[in-house]
PDB file of N, CA and C in Angstrom:
ATOM      1  N   MET A   1      -7.967   0.599  16.846  1.00  0.00           N
ATOM      2  CA  MET A   1      -8.074  -0.548  15.970  1.00  0.00           C
ATOM      3  C   MET A   1      -7.155  -0.335  14.766  1.00  0.00           C
ATOM      4  N   PRO A   2      -6.365  -1.358  14.396  1.00  0.00           N
ATOM      5  CA  PRO A   2      -5.452  -1.214  13.249  1.00  0.00           C
ATOM      6  C   PRO A   2      -6.203  -1.046  11.937  1.00  0.00           C
ATOM      7  N   LYS A   3      -5.602  -0.296  11.050  1.00  0.00           N
ATOM      8  CA  LYS A   3      -6.176  -0.112   9.720  1.00  0.00           C
ATOM      9  C   LYS A   3      -5.975  -1.381   8.909  1.00  0.00           C
ATOM     10  N   GLY A   4      -6.723  -1.498   7.819  1.00  0.00           N
ATOM     11  CA  GLY A   4      -6.575  -2.606   6.896  1.00  0.00           C
ATOM     12  C   GLY A   4      -6.044  -2.085   5.577  1.00  0.00           C
ATOM     13  N   TYR A   5      -5.300  -2.911   4.876  1.00  0.00           N
ATOM     14  CA  TYR A   5      -4.698  -2.509   3.613  1.00  0.00           C
ATOM     15  C   TYR A   5      -4.913  -3.576   2.545  1.00  0.00           C
ATOM     16  N   VAL A   6      -5.175  -3.131   1.352  1.00  0.00           N
ATOM     17  CA  VAL A   6      -5.171  -3.995   0.183  1.00  0.00           C
ATOM     18  C   VAL A   6      -3.890  -3.645  -0.563  1.00  0.00           C
ATOM     19  N   ILE A   7      -3.059  -4.664  -0.787  1.00  0.00           N
ATOM     20  CA  ILE A   7      -1.789  -4.462  -1.481  1.00  0.00           C
ATOM     21  C   ILE A   7      -1.823  -5.306  -2.750  1.00  0.00           C
ATOM     22  N   ALA A   8      -1.531  -4.667  -3.873  1.00  0.00           N
ATOM     23  CA  ALA A   8      -1.561  -5.367  -5.155  1.00  0.00           C
ATOM     24  C   ALA A   8      -0.296  -5.071  -5.946  1.00  0.00           C
ATOM     25  N   ARG A   9       0.150  -6.082  -6.694  1.00  0.00           N
ATOM     26  CA  ARG A   9       1.278  -5.936  -7.619  1.00  0.00           C
ATOM     27  C   ARG A   9       0.769  -6.416  -8.969  1.00  0.00           C
ATOM     28  N   ALA A  10       0.913  -5.598  -9.987  1.00  0.00           N
ATOM     29  CA  ALA A  10       0.307  -5.923 -11.274  1.00  0.00           C
ATOM     30  C   ALA A  10       1.265  -5.761 -12.441  1.00  0.00           C
ATOM     31  N   LYS A  11       0.995  -6.543 -13.467  1.00  0.00           N
ATOM     32  CA  LYS A  11       1.671  -6.435 -14.755  1.00  0.00           C
ATOM     33  C   LYS A  11       0.562  -6.286 -15.790  1.00  0.00           C
ATOM     34  N   VAL A  12       0.518  -5.148 -16.445  1.00  0.00           N
ATOM     35  CA  VAL A  12      -0.556  -4.823 -17.381  1.00  0.00           C
ATOM     36  C   VAL A  12      -0.123  -5.160 -18.809  1.00  0.00           C
ATOM     37  N   SER A  13      -0.992  -5.899 -19.526  1.00  0.00           N
ATOM     38  CA  SER A  13      -0.707  -6.224 -20.923  1.00  0.00           C
ATOM     39  C   SER A  13      -1.678  -5.557 -21.894  1.00  0.00           C
ATOM     40  N   ASN A  14      -2.807  -5.052 -21.381  1.00  0.00           N
ATOM     41  CA  ASN A  14      -3.780  -4.337 -22.208  1.00  0.00           C
ATOM     42  C   ASN A  14      -4.227  -3.099 -21.422  1.00  0.00           C
ATOM     43  N   ALA A  15      -3.588  -1.975 -21.714  1.00  0.00           N
ATOM     44  CA  ALA A  15      -3.821  -0.749 -20.929  1.00  0.00           C
ATOM     45  C   ALA A  15      -5.247  -0.237 -21.040  1.00  0.00           C
ATOM     46  N   THR A  16      -5.862  -0.356 -22.190  1.00  0.00           N
ATOM     47  CA  THR A  16      -7.231   0.138 -22.372  1.00  0.00           C
ATOM     48  C   THR A  16      -8.209  -0.657 -21.521  1.00  0.00           C
ATOM     49  N   GLN A  17      -8.096  -1.955 -21.586  1.00  0.00           N
ATOM     50  CA  GLN A  17      -8.971  -2.819 -20.796  1.00  0.00           C
ATOM     51  C   GLN A  17      -8.698  -2.631 -19.304  1.00  0.00           C
ATOM     52  N   TRP A  18      -7.434  -2.485 -18.930  1.00  0.00           N
ATOM     53  CA  TRP A  18      -7.072  -2.284 -17.524  1.00  0.00           C
ATOM     54  C   TRP A  18      -7.656  -0.974 -17.000  1.00  0.00           C
ATOM     55  N   ALA A  19      -7.684   0.051 -17.836  1.00  0.00           N
ATOM     56  CA  ALA A  19      -8.232   1.350 -17.429  1.00  0.00           C
ATOM     57  C   ALA A  19      -9.716   1.226 -17.079  1.00  0.00           C
ATOM     58  N   ALA A  20     -10.448   0.416 -17.837  1.00  0.00           N
ATOM     59  CA  ALA A  20     -11.871   0.199 -17.538  1.00  0.00           C
ATOM     60  C   ALA A  20     -12.020  -0.498 -16.183  1.00  0.00           C
ATOM     61  N   TYR A  21     -11.169  -1.487 -15.927  1.00  0.00           N
ATOM     62  CA  TYR A  21     -11.154  -2.172 -14.637  1.00  0.00           C
ATOM     63  C   TYR A  21     -10.844  -1.190 -13.507  1.00  0.00           C
ATOM     64  N   ALA A  22      -9.809  -0.376 -13.691  1.00  0.00           N
ATOM     65  CA  ALA A  22      -9.387   0.560 -12.651  1.00  0.00           C
ATOM     66  C   ALA A  22     -10.484   1.558 -12.320  1.00  0.00           C
ATOM     67  N   ALA A  23     -11.198   2.028 -13.325  1.00  0.00           N
ATOM     68  CA  ALA A  23     -12.289   2.980 -13.088  1.00  0.00           C
ATOM     69  C   ALA A  23     -13.394   2.334 -12.256  1.00  0.00           C
ATOM     70  N   LYS A  24     -13.756   1.114 -12.604  1.00  0.00           N
ATOM     71  CA  LYS A  24     -14.818   0.409 -11.875  1.00  0.00           C
ATOM     72  C   LYS A  24     -14.351   0.049 -10.466  1.00  0.00           C
ATOM     73  N   ALA A  25     -13.101  -0.393 -10.325  1.00  0.00           N
ATOM     74  CA  ALA A  25     -12.563  -0.718  -9.009  1.00  0.00           C
ATOM     75  C   ALA A  25     -12.512   0.528  -8.126  1.00  0.00           C
ATOM     76  N   SER A  26     -12.195   1.674  -8.704  1.00  0.00           N
ATOM     77  CA  SER A  26     -12.137   2.929  -7.937  1.00  0.00           C
ATOM     78  C   SER A  26     -13.489   3.287  -7.348  1.00  0.00           C
ATOM     79  N   GLU A  27     -14.559   3.001  -8.085  1.00  0.00           N
ATOM     80  CA  GLU A  27     -15.907   3.232  -7.554  1.00  0.00           C
ATOM     81  C   GLU A  27     -16.134   2.378  -6.310  1.00  0.00           C
ATOM     82  N   ALA A  28     -15.728   1.114  -6.381  1.00  0.00           N
ATOM     83  CA  ALA A  28     -15.899   0.216  -5.238  1.00  0.00           C
ATOM     84  C   ALA A  28     -15.011   0.632  -4.066  1.00  0.00           C
ATOM     85  N   ILE A  29     -13.799   1.088  -4.357  1.00  0.00           N
ATOM     86  CA  ILE A  29     -12.902   1.560  -3.303  1.00  0.00           C
ATOM     87  C   ILE A  29     -13.579   2.672  -2.508  1.00  0.00           C
ATOM     88  N   ARG A  30     -14.133   3.644  -3.217  1.00  0.00           N
ATOM     89  CA  ARG A  30     -14.825   4.756  -2.549  1.00  0.00           C
ATOM     90  C   ARG A  30     -16.015   4.249  -1.733  1.00  0.00           C
ATOM     91  N   GLN A  31     -16.776   3.333  -2.320  1.00  0.00           N
ATOM     92  CA  GLN A  31     -17.961   2.806  -1.644  1.00  0.00           C
ATOM     93  C   GLN A  31     -17.608   2.121  -0.322  1.00  0.00           C
ATOM     94  N   TYR A  32     -16.460   1.465  -0.272  1.00  0.00           N
ATOM     95  CA  TYR A  32     -16.050   0.752   0.935  1.00  0.00           C
ATOM     96  C   TYR A  32     -15.114   1.575   1.821  1.00  0.00           C
ATOM     97  N   GLY A  33     -14.970   2.859   1.519  1.00  0.00           N
ATOM     98  CA  GLY A  33     -14.222   3.769   2.384  1.00  0.00           C
ATOM     99  C   GLY A  33     -12.718   3.693   2.242  1.00  0.00           C
ATOM    100  N   GLY A  34     -12.243   3.185   1.121  1.00  0.00           N
ATOM    101  CA  GLY A  34     -10.805   3.061   0.919  1.00  0.00           C
ATOM    102  C   GLY A  34     -10.158   4.333   0.409  1.00  0.00           C
ATOM    103  N   THR A  35      -8.884   4.475   0.718  1.00  0.00           N
ATOM    104  CA  THR A  35      -8.089   5.602   0.251  1.00  0.00           C
ATOM    105  C   THR A  35      -6.815   5.069  -0.393  1.00  0.00           C
ATOM    106  N   PRO A  36      -6.646   5.260  -1.701  1.00  0.00           N
ATOM    107  CA  PRO A  36      -5.389   4.835  -2.325  1.00  0.00           C
ATOM    108  C   PRO A  36      -4.230   5.669  -1.783  1.00  0.00           C
ATOM    109  N   ILE A  37      -3.170   4.995  -1.310  1.00  0.00           N
ATOM    110  CA  ILE A  37      -1.998   5.729  -0.845  1.00  0.00           C
ATOM    111  C   ILE A  37      -0.790   5.463  -1.731  1.00  0.00           C
ATOM    112  N   VAL A  38      -0.852   4.396  -2.538  1.00  0.00           N
ATOM    113  CA  VAL A  38       0.155   4.123  -3.572  1.00  0.00           C
ATOM    114  C   VAL A  38      -0.613   3.629  -4.783  1.00  0.00           C
ATOM    115  N   ARG A  39      -0.363   4.231  -5.918  1.00  0.00           N
ATOM    116  CA  ARG A  39      -1.030   3.799  -7.147  1.00  0.00           C
ATOM    117  C   ARG A  39      -0.087   4.088  -8.300  1.00  0.00           C
ATOM    118  N   GLY A  40       0.747   3.099  -8.634  1.00  0.00           N
ATOM    119  CA  GLY A  40       1.725   3.304  -9.705  1.00  0.00           C
ATOM    120  C   GLY A  40       2.898   4.114  -9.192  1.00  0.00           C
ATOM    121  N   GLY A  41       3.432   4.950 -10.041  1.00  0.00           N
ATOM    122  CA  GLY A  41       4.563   5.780  -9.655  1.00  0.00           C
ATOM    123  C   GLY A  41       5.885   5.050  -9.782  1.00  0.00           C
ATOM    124  N   GLN A  42       6.944   5.751  -9.435  1.00  0.00           N
ATOM    125  CA  GLN A  42       8.286   5.173  -9.516  1.00  0.00           C
ATOM    126  C   GLN A  42       8.425   4.003  -8.554  1.00  0.00           C
ATOM    127  N   MET A  43       9.230   3.030  -8.957  1.00  0.00           N
ATOM    128  CA  MET A  43       9.521   1.914  -8.079  1.00  0.00           C
ATOM    129  C   MET A  43      10.875   1.332  -8.420  1.00  0.00           C
ATOM    130  N   THR A  44      11.474   0.708  -7.450  1.00  0.00           N
ATOM    131  CA  THR A  44      12.736  -0.004  -7.613  1.00  0.00           C
ATOM    132  C   THR A  44      12.594  -1.345  -6.912  1.00  0.00           C
ATOM    133  N   VAL A  45      13.023  -2.396  -7.559  1.00  0.00           N
ATOM    134  CA  VAL A  45      13.008  -3.709  -6.925  1.00  0.00           C
ATOM    135  C   VAL A  45      14.255  -3.813  -6.057  1.00  0.00           C
ATOM    136  N   GLY A  46      14.067  -3.948  -4.769  1.00  0.00           N
ATOM    137  CA  GLY A  46      15.187  -4.076  -3.851  1.00  0.00           C
ATOM    138  C   GLY A  46      15.624  -5.512  -3.675  1.00  0.00           C
ATOM    139  N   GLU A  47      14.673  -6.421  -3.859  1.00  0.00           N
ATOM    140  CA  GLU A  47      14.975  -7.839  -3.679  1.00  0.00           C
ATOM    141  C   GLU A  47      13.811  -8.646  -4.245  1.00  0.00           C
ATOM    142  N   GLY A  48      14.083  -9.781  -4.821  1.00  0.00           N
ATOM    143  CA  GLY A  48      13.026 -10.644  -5.335  1.00  0.00           C
ATOM    144  C   GLY A  48      12.474 -10.157  -6.665  1.00  0.00           C
ATOM    145  N   GLU A  49      11.293 -10.674  -6.978  1.00  0.00           N
ATOM    146  CA  GLU A  49      10.646 -10.344  -8.251  1.00  0.00           C
ATOM    147  C   GLU A  49       9.679  -9.181  -8.051  1.00  0.00           C
ATOM    148  N   GLY A  50       9.813  -8.154  -8.828  1.00  0.00           N
ATOM    149  CA  GLY A  50       8.919  -7.013  -8.730  1.00  0.00           C
ATOM    150  C   GLY A  50       8.005  -6.924  -9.933  1.00  0.00           C
ATOM    151  N   ARG A  51       7.008  -6.108  -9.827  1.00  0.00           N
ATOM    152  CA  ARG A  51       6.123  -5.790 -10.942  1.00  0.00           C
ATOM    153  C   ARG A  51       6.054  -4.277 -11.055  1.00  0.00           C
ATOM    154  N   ALA A  52       5.839  -3.816 -12.250  1.00  0.00           N
ATOM    155  CA  ALA A  52       5.908  -2.378 -12.528  1.00  0.00           C
ATOM    156  C   ALA A  52       4.808  -1.576 -11.830  1.00  0.00           C
ATOM    157  N   ARG A  53       3.644  -2.162 -11.629  1.00  0.00           N
ATOM    158  CA  ARG A  53       2.527  -1.415 -11.046  1.00  0.00           C
ATOM    159  C   ARG A  53       2.245  -1.946  -9.647  1.00  0.00           C
ATOM    160  N   ASN A  54       2.298  -1.054  -8.659  1.00  0.00           N
ATOM    161  CA  ASN A  54       2.071  -1.409  -7.265  1.00  0.00           C
ATOM    162  C   ASN A  54       0.994  -0.503  -6.688  1.00  0.00           C
ATOM    163  N   ILE A  55       0.107  -1.107  -5.899  1.00  0.00           N
ATOM    164  CA  ILE A  55      -1.046  -0.383  -5.373  1.00  0.00           C
ATOM    165  C   ILE A  55      -1.175  -0.701  -3.884  1.00  0.00           C
ATOM    166  N   VAL A  56      -1.405   0.317  -3.062  1.00  0.00           N
ATOM    167  CA  VAL A  56      -1.723   0.132  -1.645  1.00  0.00           C
ATOM    168  C   VAL A  56      -2.946   0.995  -1.365  1.00  0.00           C
ATOM    169  N   ILE A  57      -3.986   0.359  -0.832  1.00  0.00           N
ATOM    170  CA  ILE A  57      -5.225   1.067  -0.505  1.00  0.00           C
ATOM    171  C   ILE A  57      -5.483   0.895   0.981  1.00  0.00           C
ATOM    172  N   GLU A  58      -5.700   2.001   1.672  1.00  0.00           N
ATOM    173  CA  GLU A  58      -5.926   1.989   3.122  1.00  0.00           C
ATOM    174  C   GLU A  58      -7.420   2.005   3.424  1.00  0.00           C
ATOM    175  N   PHE A  59      -7.823   1.178   4.383  1.00  0.00           N
ATOM    176  CA  PHE A  59      -9.213   1.126   4.843  1.00  0.00           C
ATOM    177  C   PHE A  59      -9.235   1.325   6.358  1.00  0.00           C
ATOM    178  N   ALA A  60     -10.402   1.594   6.893  1.00  0.00           N
ATOM    179  CA  ALA A  60     -10.545   1.849   8.331  1.00  0.00           C
ATOM    180  C   ALA A  60     -10.044   0.673   9.170  1.00  0.00           C
ATOM    181  N   ASP A  61     -10.247  -0.552   8.677  1.00  0.00           N
ATOM    182  CA  ASP A  61      -9.813  -1.736   9.404  1.00  0.00           C
ATOM    183  C   ASP A  61      -9.729  -2.919   8.437  1.00  0.00           C
ATOM    184  N   PHE A  62      -9.248  -4.048   8.966  1.00  0.00           N
ATOM    185  CA  PHE A  62      -9.074  -5.246   8.145  1.00  0.00           C
ATOM    186  C   PHE A  62     -10.406  -5.700   7.553  1.00  0.00           C
ATOM    187  N   ALA A  63     -11.467  -5.652   8.345  1.00  0.00           N
ATOM    188  CA  ALA A  63     -12.782  -6.111   7.882  1.00  0.00           C
ATOM    189  C   ALA A  63     -13.255  -5.301   6.676  1.00  0.00           C
ATOM    190  N   ALA A  64     -13.033  -3.996   6.693  1.00  0.00           N
ATOM    191  CA  ALA A  64     -13.450  -3.150   5.567  1.00  0.00           C
ATOM    192  C   ALA A  64     -12.621  -3.451   4.319  1.00  0.00           C
ATOM    193  N   ALA A  65     -11.323  -3.677   4.494  1.00  0.00           N
ATOM    194  CA  ALA A  65     -10.456  -4.006   3.358  1.00  0.00           C
ATOM    195  C   ALA A  65     -10.876  -5.340   2.753  1.00  0.00           C
ATOM    196  N   ARG A  66     -11.147  -6.313   3.594  1.00  0.00           N
ATOM    197  CA  ARG A  66     -11.579  -7.629   3.115  1.00  0.00           C
ATOM    198  C   ARG A  66     -12.950  -7.537   2.446  1.00  0.00           C
ATOM    199  N   ALA A  67     -13.845  -6.749   3.026  1.00  0.00           N
ATOM    200  CA  ALA A  67     -15.179  -6.587   2.437  1.00  0.00           C
ATOM    201  C   ALA A  67     -15.086  -6.019   1.022  1.00  0.00           C
ATOM    202  N   TYR A  68     -14.183  -5.066   0.811  1.00  0.00           N
ATOM    203  CA  TYR A  68     -13.982  -4.503  -0.530  1.00  0.00           C
ATOM    204  C   TYR A  68     -13.538  -5.583  -1.510  1.00  0.00           C
ATOM    205  N   VAL A  69     -12.501  -6.349  -1.150  1.00  0.00           N
ATOM    206  CA  VAL A  69     -11.950  -7.357  -2.062  1.00  0.00           C
ATOM    207  C   VAL A  69     -12.979  -8.445  -2.372  1.00  0.00           C
ATOM    208  N   MET A  70     -13.826  -8.782  -1.416  1.00  0.00           N
ATOM    209  CA  MET A  70     -14.810  -9.846  -1.597  1.00  0.00           C
ATOM    210  C   MET A  70     -16.174  -9.334  -2.085  1.00  0.00           C
ATOM    211  N   SER A  71     -16.289  -8.043  -2.324  1.00  0.00           N
ATOM    212  CA  SER A  71     -17.577  -7.443  -2.644  1.00  0.00           C
ATOM    213  C   SER A  71     -18.069  -7.770  -4.062  1.00  0.00           C
ATOM    214  N   PRO A  72     -19.375  -7.740  -4.249  1.00  0.00           N
ATOM    215  CA  PRO A  72     -19.923  -7.915  -5.603  1.00  0.00           C
ATOM    216  C   PRO A  72     -19.526  -6.761  -6.525  1.00  0.00           C
ATOM    217  N   GLU A  73     -19.341  -5.581  -5.956  1.00  0.00           N
ATOM    218  CA  GLU A  73     -18.927  -4.422  -6.765  1.00  0.00           C
ATOM    219  C   GLU A  73     -17.525  -4.630  -7.335  1.00  0.00           C
ATOM    220  N   TYR A  74     -16.623  -5.147  -6.501  1.00  0.00           N
ATOM    221  CA  TYR A  74     -15.269  -5.401  -6.987  1.00  0.00           C
ATOM    222  C   TYR A  74     -15.256  -6.579  -7.954  1.00  0.00           C
ATOM    223  N   ALA A  75     -16.115  -7.562  -7.727  1.00  0.00           N
ATOM    224  CA  ALA A  75     -16.205  -8.710  -8.642  1.00  0.00           C
ATOM    225  C   ALA A  75     -16.564  -8.240 -10.051  1.00  0.00           C
ATOM    226  N   GLU A  76     -17.425  -7.235 -10.155  1.00  0.00           N
ATOM    227  CA  GLU A  76     -17.772  -6.671 -11.460  1.00  0.00           C
ATOM    228  C   GLU A  76     -16.549  -6.056 -12.122  1.00  0.00           C
ATOM    229  N   ALA A  77     -15.751  -5.350 -11.338  1.00  0.00           N
ATOM    230  CA  ALA A  77     -14.530  -4.742 -11.879  1.00  0.00           C
ATOM    231  C   ALA A  77     -13.555  -5.826 -12.341  1.00  0.00           C
ATOM    232  N   ARG A  78     -13.421  -6.868 -11.546  1.00  0.00           N
ATOM    233  CA  ARG A  78     -12.513  -7.972 -11.887  1.00  0.00           C
ATOM    234  C   ARG A  78     -12.828  -8.572 -13.248  1.00  0.00           C
ATOM    235  N   LYS A  79     -14.098  -8.697 -13.562  1.00  0.00           N
ATOM    236  CA  LYS A  79     -14.503  -9.244 -14.868  1.00  0.00           C
ATOM    237  C   LYS A  79     -13.949  -8.398 -16.012  1.00  0.00           C
ATOM    238  N   LEU A  80     -13.897  -7.086 -15.823  1.00  0.00           N
ATOM    239  CA  LEU A  80     -13.383  -6.179 -16.863  1.00  0.00           C
ATOM    240  C   LEU A  80     -11.880  -6.361 -17.079  1.00  0.00           C
ATOM    241  N   ARG A  81     -11.197  -6.887 -16.083  1.00  0.00           N
ATOM    242  CA  ARG A  81      -9.747  -7.029 -16.126  1.00  0.00           C
ATOM    243  C   ARG A  81      -9.290  -8.330 -16.786  1.00  0.00           C
ATOM    244  N   GLU A  82     -10.168  -9.295 -16.934  1.00  0.00           N
ATOM    245  CA  GLU A  82      -9.799 -10.620 -17.447  1.00  0.00           C
ATOM    246  C   GLU A  82      -9.047 -10.515 -18.771  1.00  0.00           C
ATOM    247  N   GLY A  83      -7.852 -11.099 -18.797  1.00  0.00           N
ATOM    248  CA  GLY A  83      -7.033 -11.107 -20.002  1.00  0.00           C
ATOM    249  C   GLY A  83      -6.216  -9.845 -20.224  1.00  0.00           C
ATOM    250  N   ALA A  84      -6.295  -8.884 -19.289  1.00  0.00           N
ATOM    251  CA  ALA A  84      -5.601  -7.608 -19.473  1.00  0.00           C
ATOM    252  C   ALA A  84      -4.284  -7.529 -18.706  1.00  0.00           C
ATOM    253  N   GLY A  85      -3.920  -8.595 -18.015  1.00  0.00           N
ATOM    254  CA  GLY A  85      -2.670  -8.580 -17.258  1.00  0.00           C
ATOM    255  C   GLY A  85      -2.708  -9.578 -16.129  1.00  0.00           C
ATOM    256  N   GLU A  86      -1.724  -9.466 -15.245  1.00  0.00           N
ATOM    257  CA  GLU A  86      -1.602 -10.346 -14.085  1.00  0.00           C
ATOM    258  C   GLU A  86      -1.609  -9.480 -12.829  1.00  0.00           C
ATOM    259  N   ILE A  87      -2.160 -10.029 -11.752  1.00  0.00           N
ATOM    260  CA  ILE A  87      -2.187  -9.270 -10.506  1.00  0.00           C
ATOM    261  C   ILE A  87      -2.188 -10.220  -9.304  1.00  0.00           C
ATOM    262  N   ASP A  88      -1.475  -9.820  -8.277  1.00  0.00           N
ATOM    263  CA  ASP A  88      -1.521 -10.479  -6.966  1.00  0.00           C
ATOM    264  C   ASP A  88      -2.114  -9.466  -6.009  1.00  0.00           C
ATOM    265  N   ILE A  89      -3.084  -9.903  -5.212  1.00  0.00           N
ATOM    266  CA  ILE A  89      -3.740  -9.005  -4.263  1.00  0.00           C
ATOM    267  C   ILE A  89      -3.771  -9.685  -2.900  1.00  0.00           C
ATOM    268  N   VAL A  90      -3.361  -8.964  -1.866  1.00  0.00           N
ATOM    269  CA  VAL A  90      -3.465  -9.458  -0.492  1.00  0.00           C
ATOM    270  C   VAL A  90      -4.149  -8.398   0.367  1.00  0.00           C
ATOM    271  N   VAL A  91      -4.826  -8.861   1.391  1.00  0.00           N
ATOM    272  CA  VAL A  91      -5.440  -7.983   2.391  1.00  0.00           C
ATOM    273  C   VAL A  91      -4.658  -8.206   3.678  1.00  0.00           C
ATOM    274  N   VAL A  92      -4.152  -7.121   4.266  1.00  0.00           N
ATOM    275  CA  VAL A  92      -3.358  -7.239   5.481  1.00  0.00           C
ATOM    276  C   VAL A  92      -3.839  -6.257   6.545  1.00  0.00           C
ATOM    277  N   GLU A  93      -3.585  -6.617   7.790  1.00  0.00           N
ATOM    278  CA  GLU A  93      -3.897  -5.744   8.912  1.00  0.00           C
ATOM    279  C   GLU A  93      -2.688  -4.915   9.256  1.00  0.00           C
ATOM    280  N   GLY A  94      -2.904  -3.641   9.497  1.00  0.00           N
ATOM    281  CA  GLY A  94      -1.811  -2.749   9.885  1.00  0.00           C
ATOM    282  C   GLY A  94      -1.396  -2.969  11.332  1.00  0.00           C
ATOM    283  N   VAL A  95      -0.442  -2.179  11.777  1.00  0.00           N
ATOM    284  CA  VAL A  95       0.033  -2.296  13.163  1.00  0.00           C
ATOM    285  C   VAL A  95      -0.506  -1.160  14.008  1.00  0.00           C
TER     286      VAL A  95
END
């Protein structure tokens, strides 16, 4: 069965508030069996519009990745992030 991935691109405007969100989101990631494989670090925009912060989280399958993003635990983390930046998040199935 293919793995599932949560891919996010973020622009942070309030690092302190974002850190609180990240800590709470990390708890939910662990609870839903996710493993961060990209979290920040160096990046180069090869084409199109990029954002400085990029995140890829691996889950056992698409259903687990989607369950994390739609979970009440992650919703709590999202509330902490309000007004602290911009983020795009997608859930995708691996090959």
